[in-house]
């Protein structure tokens, strides 16, 4: 700690991302990245964009990409906001919709950036305890609050909340903004996007990082009625008008237009997930039902932290959270079939050796 730090920085507990080691080759199943490359059409568009025009600022309004996303979801351009990854979009949301002194609600087991943002922006919050099976208790969100945010599917559990329950939360909190963080929605759930024109208080946040293989570009977006999008624009243009570069804009646009490639790769990931779940369950593991590109697993006889460390020794990276209620679970990203076969083989070796 330095004497030059602000009072805010002194009290922050920053988000800790999954490790990105460089010391050797790993089977990397710890950061929910897509095992397949970006759309070939997106790759060509990005190469074409990496030319002399990089000396010029990109368009601050990102109109072409916003229109592309709007067309895909049956919305208008004015109902779309884009930013530098969904993490930036979520940070802007905390500034745009939530007020100090009015506690917001989010699950007790959820994306760990939420309490970080709350601390950074002086937003009070209360956590809602998940059910014992890690499902989200929708009825517990029907209480006084300053706003609501939750992932669907949830992270790190992967559990999906049915759209009927999501809509009830939105409907019963009409005076507050409800943010549905859908980073993983393309791997098995039904999006809340179709509810946007019915509910002025709904904001849906999605990303290009997972299902569209563009984590390295940092592109996220929000969908909602015009007044909510205008609030995000006001925040963005008070911080950085140029949040997306020319290469990212070109790649994102083509990625959204290559529907065949998107459907093929997400289908592969879902099929691999279901195959691996069956194998792990037959080997005695508990696997939380997942609609995401990862699974949340536990072994009845061997501690998760021990398995985590031994997997790493074998060159396999997964995610371990040393937190109450989930410190005996591992989050495992779904890789390619070959990667998952290697993971299962190493895992069985570790468990049988014990």
Protein backbone atom coordinates (compact mmCIF):
# COMPACT_ATOMS: atom_id res chain seq x y z
CA UNK A 1 0.00 0.00 0.00
CA UNK A 2 1.32 3.44 -0.95
CA UNK A 3 0.66 6.77 0.69
CA UNK A 4 -0.27 8.04 -2.78
CA UNK A 5 -3.24 5.71 -3.12
CA UNK A 6 -6.73 7.18 -2.93
CA UNK A 7 -9.13 6.14 -0.18
CA UNK A 8 -11.13 4.16 -2.74
CA UNK A 9 -8.14 2.16 -3.94
CA UNK A 10 -7.06 1.40 -0.38
CA UNK A 11 -10.30 -0.44 0.31
CA UNK A 12 -10.68 -2.29 -3.00
CA UNK A 13 -10.50 -6.08 -3.30
CA UNK A 14 -10.05 -6.42 -7.08
CA UNK A 15 -11.44 -9.22 -9.21
CA UNK A 16 -8.94 -12.07 -9.66
CA UNK A 17 -9.01 -13.49 -13.22
CA UNK A 18 -8.15 -17.08 -14.06
CA UNK A 19 -4.42 -17.63 -14.33
CA UNK A 20 -2.76 -17.30 -17.71
CA UNK A 21 0.61 -19.05 -17.12
CA UNK A 22 3.39 -18.84 -19.66
CA UNK A 23 5.86 -21.33 -18.15
CA UNK A 24 4.67 -24.36 -20.16
CA UNK A 25 1.88 -25.74 -22.30
CA UNK A 26 -1.34 -26.46 -20.41
CA UNK A 27 -4.75 -27.86 -21.22
CA UNK A 28 -6.51 -24.63 -20.37
CA UNK A 29 -9.97 -25.21 -18.92
CA UNK A 30 -10.00 -22.36 -16.41
CA UNK A 31 -11.29 -19.22 -18.15
CA UNK A 32 -14.31 -20.41 -20.17
CA UNK A 33 -12.69 -19.57 -23.49
CA UNK A 34 -14.04 -21.14 -26.67
CA UNK A 35 -11.85 -24.04 -27.87
CA UNK A 36 -12.63 -23.24 -31.51
CA UNK A 37 -11.21 -20.35 -33.55
CA UNK A 38 -13.25 -17.31 -34.57
CA UNK A 39 -15.37 -17.38 -37.70
CA UNK A 40 -13.15 -17.44 -40.83
CA UNK A 41 -15.24 -14.56 -42.16
CA UNK A 42 -14.48 -12.58 -39.01
CA UNK A 43 -10.76 -13.34 -39.39
CA UNK A 44 -10.77 -12.02 -42.97
CA UNK A 45 -12.63 -8.88 -41.93
CA UNK A 46 -10.15 -8.17 -39.14
CA UNK A 47 -7.17 -8.62 -41.47
CA UNK A 48 -8.76 -6.21 -43.94
CA UNK A 49 -9.40 -3.67 -41.16
CA UNK A 50 -5.76 -3.75 -40.02
CA UNK A 51 -4.67 -1.25 -42.63
CA UNK A 52 -3.76 2.42 -42.99
CA UNK A 53 -7.08 3.54 -41.53
CA UNK A 54 -5.82 2.53 -38.09
CA UNK A 55 -4.30 6.02 -37.95
CA UNK A 56 -7.89 7.31 -37.72
CA UNK A 57 -10.22 7.05 -34.73
CA UNK A 58 -13.03 4.51 -35.10
CA UNK A 59 -16.62 5.69 -35.16
CA UNK A 60 -17.60 6.46 -31.55
CA UNK A 61 -21.22 5.44 -32.12
CA UNK A 62 -20.39 1.98 -33.59
CA UNK A 63 -23.51 2.28 -35.75
CA UNK A 64 -22.80 -0.61 -38.13
CA UNK A 65 -22.20 -3.13 -35.36
CA UNK A 66 -25.16 -1.91 -33.33
CA UNK A 67 -27.43 -2.20 -36.37
CA UNK A 68 -26.11 -5.70 -37.06
CA UNK A 69 -26.86 -6.83 -33.49
CA UNK A 70 -30.24 -5.11 -33.59
CA UNK A 71 -31.21 -6.89 -36.81
CA UNK A 72 -30.21 -10.23 -35.33
CA UNK A 73 -32.40 -9.77 -32.26
CA UNK A 74 -35.32 -7.97 -33.89
CA UNK A 75 -34.59 -4.66 -32.15
CA UNK A 76 -33.66 -1.15 -33.24
CA UNK A 77 -30.16 0.30 -33.23
CA UNK A 78 -31.24 2.63 -30.42
CA UNK A 79 -31.82 -0.43 -28.23
CA UNK A 80 -28.20 -1.61 -28.51
CA UNK A 81 -25.08 -0.48 -26.65
CA UNK A 82 -21.60 -1.89 -27.32
CA UNK A 83 -18.49 -1.68 -25.18
CA UNK A 84 -15.00 -3.01 -24.50
CA UNK A 85 -16.05 -6.41 -23.21
CA UNK A 86 -19.12 -7.17 -21.14
CA UNK A 87 -17.10 -6.36 -18.00
CA UNK A 88 -16.85 -2.73 -19.10
CA UNK A 89 -20.54 -2.72 -20.02
CA UNK A 90 -21.42 -4.07 -16.56
CA UNK A 91 -19.24 -1.43 -14.88
CA UNK A 92 -21.08 1.27 -16.83
CA UNK A 93 -24.37 -0.29 -15.69
CA UNK A 94 -23.46 0.14 -12.03
CA UNK A 95 -22.84 3.84 -12.68
CA UNK A 96 -25.87 4.29 -14.93
CA UNK A 97 -28.63 2.68 -12.85
CA UNK A 98 -27.63 2.14 -9.21
CA UNK A 99 -27.43 4.72 -6.40
CA UNK A 100 -25.38 4.85 -3.18
CA UNK A 101 -27.57 4.18 -0.17
CA UNK A 102 -30.04 2.02 -2.13
CA UNK A 103 -28.88 -1.60 -1.76
CA UNK A 104 -28.98 -3.70 -4.90
CA UNK A 105 -29.52 -7.46 -4.95
CA UNK A 106 -27.46 -10.26 -6.48
CA UNK A 107 -26.91 -13.94 -5.60
CA UNK A 108 -24.47 -14.92 -2.86
CA UNK A 109 -22.74 -17.27 -5.29
CA UNK A 110 -22.30 -15.41 -8.56
CA UNK A 111 -19.90 -13.52 -10.80
CA UNK A 112 -17.32 -12.11 -8.40
CA UNK A 113 -16.98 -8.82 -10.29
CA UNK A 114 -20.35 -7.64 -8.90
CA UNK A 115 -19.14 -6.90 -5.34
CA UNK A 116 -15.99 -5.33 -6.82
CA UNK A 117 -18.04 -2.87 -8.88
CA UNK A 118 -20.29 -2.18 -5.91
CA UNK A 119 -17.27 -1.31 -3.78
CA UNK A 120 -15.66 0.80 -6.50
CA UNK A 121 -18.81 2.87 -7.09
CA UNK A 122 -19.98 2.99 -3.45
CA UNK A 123 -23.11 0.95 -4.16
CA UNK A 124 -24.58 -0.90 -1.19
CA UNK A 125 -25.74 -4.47 -1.82
CA UNK A 126 -27.45 -7.46 -0.24
CA UNK A 127 -26.85 -11.01 -1.40
CA UNK A 128 -29.62 -13.51 -1.98
CA UNK A 129 -28.71 -17.05 -0.91
CA UNK A 130 -28.97 -19.66 -3.62
CA UNK A 131 -30.93 -22.80 -2.89
CA UNK A 132 -29.01 -25.86 -1.69
CA UNK A 133 -28.90 -27.16 -5.27
CA UNK A 134 -27.43 -23.79 -6.39
CA UNK A 135 -30.60 -22.76 -8.23
CA UNK A 136 -31.63 -19.10 -8.02
CA UNK A 137 -34.67 -18.56 -5.75
CA UNK A 138 -36.64 -16.10 -7.85
CA UNK A 139 -39.09 -15.31 -5.05
CA UNK A 140 -36.30 -13.91 -2.88
CA UNK A 141 -35.73 -11.15 -5.42
CA UNK A 142 -39.25 -9.84 -4.79
CA UNK A 143 -38.17 -7.54 -1.97
CA UNK A 144 -37.34 -3.87 -1.66
CA UNK A 145 -34.14 -3.05 -3.54
CA UNK A 146 -32.20 -0.45 -5.47
CA UNK A 147 -31.78 -2.69 -8.49
CA UNK A 148 -31.06 -6.32 -9.39
CA UNK A 149 -28.30 -8.08 -11.31
CA UNK A 150 -27.70 -11.79 -11.85
CA UNK A 151 -26.12 -14.02 -14.50
CA UNK A 152 -28.30 -16.47 -16.37
CA UNK A 153 -26.89 -19.10 -16.61
CA UNK A 154 -25.27 -18.30 -13.28
CA UNK A 155 -21.53 -18.33 -12.75
CA UNK A 156 -19.67 -20.28 -11.53
CA UNK A 157 -22.43 -22.89 -11.10
CA UNK A 158 -23.77 -22.98 -14.68
CA UNK A 159 -27.37 -23.29 -13.48
CA UNK A 160 -30.06 -21.73 -15.67
CA UNK A 161 -33.18 -19.94 -14.40
CA UNK A 162 -36.22 -20.53 -16.59
CA UNK A 163 -37.45 -17.47 -18.50
CA UNK A 164 -40.83 -17.52 -16.73
CA UNK A 165 -39.08 -16.97 -13.39
CA UNK A 166 -36.81 -14.31 -14.89
CA UNK A 167 -39.85 -12.46 -16.20
CA UNK A 168 -41.48 -12.56 -12.77
CA UNK A 169 -38.43 -10.87 -11.25
CA UNK A 170 -38.56 -8.20 -13.95
CA UNK A 171 -42.30 -7.66 -13.69
CA UNK A 172 -42.40 -7.46 -9.88
CA UNK A 173 -39.55 -4.93 -9.78
CA UNK A 174 -40.89 -2.50 -12.35
CA UNK A 175 -39.53 0.57 -10.51
CA UNK A 176 -35.95 -0.74 -10.57
CA UNK A 177 -33.57 -1.83 -13.29
CA UNK A 178 -33.11 -5.59 -13.60
CA UNK A 179 -29.90 -6.60 -15.37
CA UNK A 180 -29.75 -10.14 -16.75
CA UNK A 181 -26.11 -11.00 -17.47
CA UNK A 182 -26.27 -13.53 -20.31
CA UNK A 183 -22.59 -14.21 -20.99
CA UNK A 184 -23.34 -17.94 -21.38
CA UNK A 185 -26.89 -17.91 -22.74
CA UNK A 186 -25.93 -19.34 -26.14
CA UNK A 187 -25.03 -22.71 -24.61
CA UNK A 188 -28.49 -23.89 -23.69
CA UNK A 189 -30.85 -21.29 -22.21
CA UNK A 190 -33.59 -19.04 -23.56
CA UNK A 191 -32.61 -15.38 -23.66
CA UNK A 192 -34.61 -12.63 -22.00
CA UNK A 193 -34.06 -10.44 -25.07
CA UNK A 194 -37.58 -11.18 -26.33
CA UNK A 195 -38.97 -9.45 -23.21
CA UNK A 196 -37.23 -6.12 -23.87
CA UNK A 197 -40.08 -4.39 -25.66
CA UNK A 198 -42.47 -5.38 -22.84
CA UNK A 199 -40.38 -4.13 -19.92
CA UNK A 200 -38.75 -0.71 -19.71
CA UNK A 201 -36.69 -1.82 -16.69
CA UNK A 202 -34.96 -4.80 -18.36
CA UNK A 203 -31.35 -4.69 -19.56
CA UNK A 204 -29.72 -7.78 -21.08
CA UNK A 205 -25.92 -7.96 -21.28
CA UNK A 206 -24.12 -10.38 -23.61
CA UNK A 207 -20.60 -10.90 -24.94
CA UNK A 208 -18.63 -12.02 -27.98
CA UNK A 209 -16.04 -13.71 -25.77
CA UNK A 210 -17.67 -17.10 -25.24
CA UNK A 211 -19.93 -18.41 -27.97
CA UNK A 212 -18.32 -16.34 -30.73
CA UNK A 213 -14.66 -17.11 -29.89
CA UNK A 214 -13.60 -13.46 -29.61
CA UNK A 215 -12.40 -13.16 -26.01
CA UNK A 216 -9.18 -11.61 -27.29
CA UNK A 217 -11.03 -8.71 -28.94
CA UNK A 218 -12.98 -7.59 -25.84
CA UNK A 219 -16.49 -6.88 -27.14
CA UNK A 220 -19.66 -6.82 -25.07
CA UNK A 221 -23.09 -5.36 -25.60
CA UNK A 222 -26.29 -4.45 -23.80
CA UNK A 223 -29.86 -4.61 -25.06
CA UNK A 224 -32.74 -2.62 -23.61
CA UNK A 225 -35.22 0.14 -24.29
CA UNK A 226 -33.89 3.48 -25.51
CA UNK A 227 -33.83 5.29 -22.17
CA UNK A 228 -31.62 2.63 -20.58
CA UNK A 229 -29.24 2.68 -23.55
CA UNK A 230 -29.04 6.47 -23.41
CA UNK A 231 -27.91 6.24 -19.78
CA UNK A 232 -25.07 3.91 -20.79
CA UNK A 233 -24.06 6.29 -23.59
CA UNK A 234 -23.91 9.15 -21.10
CA UNK A 235 -21.56 7.15 -18.87
CA UNK A 236 -19.39 5.96 -21.77
CA UNK A 237 -19.01 9.43 -23.23
CA UNK A 238 -17.96 10.73 -19.82
CA UNK A 239 -15.10 8.20 -19.70
CA UNK A 240 -14.02 7.16 -23.21
CA UNK A 241 -15.93 7.82 -26.42
CA UNK A 242 -13.86 5.31 -28.42
CA UNK A 243 -14.31 2.02 -26.57
CA UNK A 244 -14.06 -0.29 -29.61
CA UNK A 245 -11.27 -0.19 -32.20
CA UNK A 246 -11.61 -0.62 -35.95
CA UNK A 247 -10.38 -4.23 -35.97
CA UNK A 248 -12.77 -5.26 -33.20
CA UNK A 249 -15.72 -3.60 -34.92
CA UNK A 250 -14.99 -5.40 -38.19
CA UNK A 251 -14.52 -8.81 -36.57
CA UNK A 252 -17.58 -8.53 -34.38
CA UNK A 253 -19.83 -7.51 -37.26
CA UNK A 254 -18.79 -10.45 -39.47
CA UNK A 255 -18.96 -12.86 -36.55
CA UNK A 256 -22.60 -11.95 -35.95
CA UNK A 257 -23.39 -12.44 -39.61
CA UNK A 258 -21.79 -15.91 -39.84
CA UNK A 259 -24.71 -17.78 -38.32
CA UNK A 260 -23.77 -21.18 -39.72
CA UNK A 261 -20.35 -21.14 -38.06
CA UNK A 262 -21.83 -19.91 -34.78
CA UNK A 263 -24.40 -22.70 -34.68
CA UNK A 264 -21.80 -25.35 -35.55
CA UNK A 265 -19.28 -24.41 -32.86
CA UNK A 266 -21.79 -23.87 -30.06
CA UNK A 267 -23.42 -27.17 -30.97
CA UNK A 268 -20.08 -28.95 -30.65
CA UNK A 269 -19.49 -27.44 -27.21
CA UNK A 270 -22.93 -28.43 -25.93
CA UNK A 271 -22.52 -31.99 -27.25
CA UNK A 272 -19.09 -32.31 -25.64
CA UNK A 273 -20.46 -30.98 -22.36
CA UNK A 274 -23.23 -33.56 -22.20
CA UNK A 275 -20.84 -36.39 -23.07
CA UNK A 276 -18.35 -35.39 -20.38
CA UNK A 277 -21.09 -34.89 -17.79
CA UNK A 278 -22.25 -38.48 -18.32
CA UNK A 279 -18.69 -39.81 -17.99
CA UNK A 280 -18.04 -37.88 -14.78
CA UNK A 281 -21.33 -38.89 -13.21
CA UNK A 282 -20.61 -42.54 -13.94
CA UNK A 283 -17.24 -42.06 -12.22
CA UNK A 284 -18.97 -40.86 -9.05
CA UNK A 285 -18.67 -37.09 -9.45
CA UNK A 286 -21.46 -34.68 -8.59
CA UNK A 287 -22.10 -32.42 -11.58
CA UNK A 288 -24.35 -29.37 -11.21
CA UNK A 289 -26.81 -29.09 -14.17
CA UNK A 290 -25.21 -26.66 -16.62
CA UNK A 291 -26.49 -24.55 -19.51
CA UNK A 292 -23.09 -22.87 -19.92
CA UNK A 293 -19.78 -23.72 -21.59
CA UNK A 294 -18.45 -25.03 -18.29
CA UNK A 295 -19.42 -27.51 -15.59
CA UNK A 296 -19.26 -27.33 -11.80
CA UNK A 297 -18.11 -30.60 -10.26
CA UNK A 298 -17.36 -32.17 -6.90
CA UNK A 299 -16.03 -35.55 -5.74
CA UNK A 300 -17.52 -37.23 -2.65
CA UNK A 301 -14.18 -38.45 -1.27
CA UNK A 302 -11.45 -36.14 -2.55
CA UNK A 303 -11.22 -32.42 -1.76
CA UNK A 304 -11.60 -30.05 -4.70
CA UNK A 305 -8.47 -28.09 -3.80
CA UNK A 306 -6.40 -31.28 -3.81
CA UNK A 307 -7.77 -32.27 -7.23
CA UNK A 308 -7.18 -28.72 -8.50
CA UNK A 309 -3.51 -28.75 -7.52
CA UNK A 310 -2.88 -32.23 -8.85
CA UNK A 311 -4.54 -31.41 -12.16
CA UNK A 312 -2.23 -28.42 -12.46
CA UNK A 313 0.78 -30.63 -11.79
CA UNK A 314 -0.36 -32.78 -14.71
CA UNK A 315 -0.68 -29.68 -16.91
CA UNK A 316 -4.47 -29.23 -16.71
CA UNK A 317 -5.86 -25.89 -15.52
CA UNK A 318 -9.34 -25.60 -13.99
CA UNK A 319 -10.80 -22.97 -11.64
CA UNK A 320 -11.04 -23.34 -7.87
CA UNK A 321 -12.88 -20.82 -5.69
CA UNK A 322 -11.95 -20.94 -2.01
CA UNK A 323 -15.26 -19.47 -0.89
CA UNK A 324 -18.05 -20.61 1.43
CA UNK A 325 -20.46 -23.21 0.02
CA UNK A 326 -18.41 -23.80 -3.15
CA UNK A 327 -14.92 -24.59 -1.81
CA UNK A 328 -15.37 -28.26 -2.61
CA UNK A 329 -16.25 -27.65 -6.27
CA UNK A 330 -14.22 -27.08 -9.41
CA UNK A 331 -15.34 -25.10 -12.44
CA UNK A 332 -14.21 -26.78 -15.63
CA UNK A 333 -14.46 -25.06 -19.01
CA UNK A 334 -15.58 -27.22 -21.93
CA UNK A 335 -12.70 -27.60 -24.35
CA UNK A 336 -12.41 -29.61 -27.53
CA UNK A 337 -13.20 -33.33 -27.45
CA UNK A 338 -9.49 -34.11 -27.39
CA UNK A 339 -8.86 -31.73 -24.49
CA UNK A 340 -11.78 -33.09 -22.50
CA UNK A 341 -10.67 -36.69 -23.08
CA UNK A 342 -7.24 -35.79 -21.70
CA UNK A 343 -8.85 -34.01 -18.75
CA UNK A 344 -11.03 -37.02 -17.91
CA UNK A 345 -8.07 -39.41 -18.19
CA UNK A 346 -5.94 -37.30 -15.83
CA UNK A 347 -8.84 -36.82 -13.43
CA UNK A 348 -9.48 -40.56 -13.21
CA UNK A 349 -5.79 -41.17 -12.62
CA UNK A 350 -5.79 -38.67 -9.74
CA UNK A 351 -8.92 -40.06 -8.10
CA UNK A 352 -7.91 -43.72 -8.45
CA UNK A 353 -4.42 -42.96 -7.12
CA UNK A 354 -5.96 -41.57 -3.93
